[in-house]
Amino acid sequence: MKKKAENAMSLLGAAALVLTISVSCCACPNCKNSQPDSDDPGLAARLSNAYLWSYVAMTSMPFLTVGTFFGAVVYLKRKNSAKNDSSSI
């Protein structure tokens, strides 16, 4: 039961972190606020920053996906191996 509570708290913390960070994310270069007809003087800096983070996000996704998958496989394999070793004693 304690493990379930820890998992729930971890999930809740991760969700709060994602919701907090997503407000300040600027990885959307094609937003309506990034259009050149805006009167905002800092538009050029934010637009280039938005394209940079968009590129970083799109380029890192395949590596994160594959890394997460193989990390989970290795973790489960080690967990199962440790379980089998302790039950054979």
N, C-alpha and C. Protein backbone atom coordinates (compact mmCIF):
# COMPACT_ATOMS: atom_id res chain seq x y z
N MET A 1 0.83 -1.19 0.00
CA MET A 1 0.00 0.00 0.00
C MET A 1 0.87 1.25 0.00
N LYS A 2 2.00 1.17 0.72
CA LYS A 2 2.89 2.31 0.79
C LYS A 2 3.49 2.60 -0.58
N LYS A 3 3.77 1.55 -1.33
CA LYS A 3 4.34 1.70 -2.68
C LYS A 3 3.36 2.42 -3.60
N LYS A 4 2.07 2.10 -3.48
CA LYS A 4 1.05 2.75 -4.30
C LYS A 4 0.97 4.23 -3.97
N ALA A 5 1.08 4.56 -2.70
CA ALA A 5 1.04 5.97 -2.28
C ALA A 5 2.25 6.72 -2.82
N GLU A 6 3.41 6.09 -2.79
CA GLU A 6 4.62 6.71 -3.34
C GLU A 6 4.48 6.93 -4.84
N ASN A 7 3.94 5.92 -5.54
CA ASN A 7 3.75 6.06 -6.98
C ASN A 7 2.75 7.16 -7.30
N ALA A 8 1.69 7.24 -6.53
CA ALA A 8 0.68 8.28 -6.76
C ALA A 8 1.27 9.66 -6.52
N MET A 9 2.07 9.81 -5.47
CA MET A 9 2.70 11.09 -5.19
C MET A 9 3.70 11.47 -6.29
N SER A 10 4.44 10.49 -6.78
CA SER A 10 5.38 10.75 -7.87
C SER A 10 4.65 11.20 -9.13
N LEU A 11 3.56 10.51 -9.43
CA LEU A 11 2.78 10.87 -10.60
C LEU A 11 2.17 12.25 -10.46
N LEU A 12 1.66 12.55 -9.29
CA LEU A 12 1.09 13.87 -9.03
C LEU A 12 2.16 14.96 -9.13
N GLY A 13 3.33 14.69 -8.60
CA GLY A 13 4.43 15.65 -8.69
C GLY A 13 4.87 15.88 -10.13
N ALA A 14 4.95 14.80 -10.92
CA ALA A 14 5.33 14.94 -12.32
C ALA A 14 4.28 15.72 -13.10
N ALA A 15 3.01 15.47 -12.81
CA ALA A 15 1.94 16.21 -13.50
C ALA A 15 1.99 17.69 -13.13
N ALA A 16 2.24 17.99 -11.87
CA ALA A 16 2.35 19.39 -11.46
C ALA A 16 3.53 20.07 -12.13
N LEU A 17 4.64 19.36 -12.25
CA LEU A 17 5.83 19.90 -12.91
C LEU A 17 5.55 20.18 -14.38
N VAL A 18 4.91 19.25 -15.06
CA VAL A 18 4.60 19.43 -16.48
C VAL A 18 3.65 20.61 -16.68
N LEU A 19 2.64 20.69 -15.85
CA LEU A 19 1.69 21.79 -15.98
C LEU A 19 2.32 23.14 -15.68
N THR A 20 3.26 23.17 -14.74
CA THR A 20 3.93 24.42 -14.41
C THR A 20 4.88 24.85 -15.51
N ILE A 21 5.64 23.91 -16.04
CA ILE A 21 6.62 24.24 -17.07
C ILE A 21 5.94 24.54 -18.40
N SER A 22 4.84 23.88 -18.69
CA SER A 22 4.20 24.07 -20.00
C SER A 22 3.70 25.49 -20.21
N VAL A 23 3.47 26.20 -19.13
CA VAL A 23 3.03 27.58 -19.26
C VAL A 23 4.14 28.44 -19.84
N SER A 24 5.39 28.16 -19.48
CA SER A 24 6.49 29.00 -19.92
C SER A 24 7.20 28.47 -21.17
N CYS A 25 6.75 27.37 -21.73
CA CYS A 25 7.39 26.83 -22.92
C CYS A 25 7.18 27.75 -24.11
N CYS A 26 8.22 27.89 -24.92
CA CYS A 26 8.10 28.77 -26.08
C CYS A 26 8.55 28.02 -27.34
N ALA A 27 8.32 26.73 -27.41
CA ALA A 27 8.76 25.95 -28.55
C ALA A 27 7.69 25.90 -29.64
N CYS A 28 7.02 27.00 -29.86
CA CYS A 28 5.99 27.06 -30.89
C CYS A 28 6.28 28.26 -31.79
N PRO A 29 7.07 28.07 -32.86
CA PRO A 29 7.45 29.20 -33.69
C PRO A 29 6.33 29.73 -34.57
N ASN A 30 5.27 29.02 -34.72
CA ASN A 30 4.21 29.44 -35.63
C ASN A 30 2.97 29.97 -34.90
N CYS A 31 3.15 30.47 -33.71
CA CYS A 31 2.03 31.02 -32.95
C CYS A 31 1.55 32.32 -33.58
N LYS A 32 0.33 32.69 -33.28
CA LYS A 32 -0.18 33.95 -33.82
C LYS A 32 0.54 35.15 -33.21
N ASN A 33 1.13 34.97 -32.01
CA ASN A 33 1.86 36.07 -31.39
C ASN A 33 3.25 36.26 -31.99
N SER A 34 3.71 35.34 -32.82
CA SER A 34 5.03 35.44 -33.42
C SER A 34 5.01 36.06 -34.81
N GLN A 35 3.90 36.54 -35.22
CA GLN A 35 3.77 37.10 -36.56
C GLN A 35 4.49 38.44 -36.67
N PRO A 36 5.06 38.74 -37.82
CA PRO A 36 5.82 39.98 -37.99
C PRO A 36 4.98 41.25 -37.86
N ASP A 37 3.68 41.18 -37.97
CA ASP A 37 2.87 42.39 -37.88
C ASP A 37 2.60 42.82 -36.44
N SER A 38 3.24 42.15 -35.51
CA SER A 38 3.07 42.49 -34.09
C SER A 38 3.85 43.76 -33.77
N ASP A 39 3.39 44.51 -32.77
CA ASP A 39 4.07 45.73 -32.35
C ASP A 39 5.10 45.47 -31.26
N ASP A 40 5.34 44.23 -30.94
CA ASP A 40 6.24 43.87 -29.85
C ASP A 40 7.70 44.05 -30.28
N PRO A 41 8.51 44.83 -29.52
CA PRO A 41 9.90 45.05 -29.92
C PRO A 41 10.81 43.83 -29.73
N GLY A 42 10.47 42.92 -28.81
CA GLY A 42 11.32 41.75 -28.57
C GLY A 42 10.93 40.55 -29.39
N LEU A 43 10.19 40.80 -30.46
CA LEU A 43 9.68 39.69 -31.27
C LEU A 43 10.78 38.89 -31.93
N ALA A 44 11.78 39.53 -32.48
CA ALA A 44 12.83 38.82 -33.21
C ALA A 44 13.59 37.87 -32.28
N ALA A 45 13.89 38.31 -31.08
CA ALA A 45 14.61 37.46 -30.13
C ALA A 45 13.76 36.26 -29.73
N ARG A 46 12.49 36.47 -29.47
CA ARG A 46 11.63 35.36 -29.07
C ARG A 46 11.38 34.41 -30.24
N LEU A 47 11.29 34.95 -31.45
CA LEU A 47 11.03 34.10 -32.61
C LEU A 47 12.21 33.18 -32.87
N SER A 48 13.43 33.71 -32.80
CA SER A 48 14.60 32.85 -33.02
C SER A 48 14.74 31.84 -31.88
N ASN A 49 14.42 32.25 -30.66
CA ASN A 49 14.46 31.34 -29.53
C ASN A 49 13.41 30.24 -29.69
N ALA A 50 12.25 30.60 -30.19
CA ALA A 50 11.19 29.62 -30.40
C ALA A 50 11.60 28.59 -31.45
N TYR A 51 12.22 29.04 -32.54
CA TYR A 51 12.69 28.09 -33.56
C TYR A 51 13.77 27.18 -33.00
N LEU A 52 14.67 27.72 -32.17
CA LEU A 52 15.71 26.91 -31.56
C LEU A 52 15.11 25.80 -30.71
N TRP A 53 14.19 26.15 -29.80
CA TRP A 53 13.63 25.14 -28.90
C TRP A 53 12.72 24.17 -29.64
N SER A 54 12.10 24.62 -30.71
CA SER A 54 11.31 23.72 -31.53
C SER A 54 12.20 22.66 -32.16
N TYR A 55 13.33 23.09 -32.67
CA TYR A 55 14.30 22.17 -33.28
C TYR A 55 14.83 21.19 -32.24
N VAL A 56 15.19 21.69 -31.07
CA VAL A 56 15.73 20.83 -30.01
C VAL A 56 14.69 19.79 -29.58
N ALA A 57 13.44 20.22 -29.42
CA ALA A 57 12.38 19.29 -29.01
C ALA A 57 12.15 18.21 -30.06
N MET A 58 12.08 18.61 -31.33
CA MET A 58 11.81 17.62 -32.38
C MET A 58 12.99 16.68 -32.59
N THR A 59 14.22 17.16 -32.42
CA THR A 59 15.38 16.30 -32.64
C THR A 59 15.60 15.34 -31.49
N SER A 60 15.23 15.72 -30.29
CA SER A 60 15.49 14.85 -29.14
C SER A 60 14.42 13.78 -28.95
N MET A 61 13.25 13.95 -29.54
CA MET A 61 12.16 13.00 -29.32
C MET A 61 12.49 11.56 -29.71
N PRO A 62 13.08 11.29 -30.87
CA PRO A 62 13.39 9.88 -31.19
C PRO A 62 14.35 9.25 -30.18
N PHE A 63 15.35 10.02 -29.75
CA PHE A 63 16.31 9.49 -28.78
C PHE A 63 15.65 9.24 -27.43
N LEU A 64 14.79 10.15 -27.00
CA LEU A 64 14.09 9.96 -25.74
C LEU A 64 13.15 8.76 -25.79
N THR A 65 12.46 8.59 -26.90
CA THR A 65 11.53 7.47 -27.04
C THR A 65 12.26 6.13 -27.01
N VAL A 66 13.30 6.00 -27.82
CA VAL A 66 14.05 4.75 -27.87
C VAL A 66 14.76 4.51 -26.55
N GLY A 67 15.34 5.55 -25.96
CA GLY A 67 16.03 5.41 -24.68
C GLY A 67 15.10 4.98 -23.57
N THR A 68 13.90 5.56 -23.55
CA THR A 68 12.92 5.18 -22.54
C THR A 68 12.50 3.73 -22.70
N PHE A 69 12.25 3.31 -23.93
CA PHE A 69 11.84 1.93 -24.19
C PHE A 69 12.92 0.95 -23.74
N PHE A 70 14.15 1.15 -24.18
CA PHE A 70 15.22 0.22 -23.82
C PHE A 70 15.57 0.31 -22.34
N GLY A 71 15.46 1.49 -21.75
CA GLY A 71 15.68 1.61 -20.31
C GLY A 71 14.67 0.80 -19.52
N ALA A 72 13.41 0.84 -19.95
CA ALA A 72 12.37 0.06 -19.28
C ALA A 72 12.63 -1.44 -19.44
N VAL A 73 13.07 -1.85 -20.61
CA VAL A 73 13.36 -3.27 -20.85
C VAL A 73 14.50 -3.73 -19.95
N VAL A 74 15.57 -2.95 -19.87
CA VAL A 74 16.72 -3.32 -19.03
C VAL A 74 16.31 -3.34 -17.56
N TYR A 75 15.53 -2.35 -17.13
CA TYR A 75 15.08 -2.31 -15.73
C TYR A 75 14.25 -3.54 -15.39
N LEU A 76 13.29 -3.88 -16.25
CA LEU A 76 12.44 -5.04 -15.98
C LEU A 76 13.24 -6.33 -16.03
N LYS A 77 14.22 -6.42 -16.93
CA LYS A 77 15.05 -7.62 -17.01
C LYS A 77 15.87 -7.79 -15.73
N ARG A 78 16.47 -6.72 -15.24
CA ARG A 78 17.26 -6.80 -14.01
C ARG A 78 16.37 -7.11 -12.80
N LYS A 79 15.19 -6.52 -12.78
CA LYS A 79 14.27 -6.78 -11.67
C LYS A 79 13.84 -8.24 -11.67
N ASN A 80 13.54 -8.77 -12.83
CA ASN A 80 13.13 -10.18 -12.94
C ASN A 80 14.30 -11.10 -12.60
N SER A 81 15.50 -10.73 -13.02
CA SER A 81 16.67 -11.54 -12.73
C SER A 81 16.95 -11.58 -11.23
N ALA A 82 16.83 -10.43 -10.57
CA ALA A 82 17.05 -10.38 -9.12
C ALA A 82 15.97 -11.19 -8.38
N LYS A 83 14.75 -11.14 -8.89
CA LYS A 83 13.66 -11.90 -8.27
C LYS A 83 13.91 -13.40 -8.40
N ASN A 84 14.39 -13.83 -9.57
CA ASN A 84 14.67 -15.25 -9.78
C ASN A 84 15.85 -15.72 -8.94
N ASP A 85 16.86 -14.86 -8.77
CA ASP A 85 18.02 -15.22 -7.95
C ASP A 85 17.64 -15.38 -6.50
N SER A 86 16.78 -14.52 -6.00
CA SER A 86 16.40 -14.60 -4.58
C SER A 86 15.45 -15.77 -4.32
N SER A 87 14.66 -16.16 -5.30
CA SER A 87 13.74 -17.29 -5.09
C SER A 87 14.43 -18.64 -5.22
N SER A 88 15.59 -18.70 -5.85
CA SER A 88 16.31 -19.97 -6.02
C SER A 88 17.14 -20.32 -4.80
N ILE A 89 17.29 -19.41 -3.87
CA ILE A 89 18.11 -19.68 -2.68
C ILE A 89 17.37 -20.50 -1.67
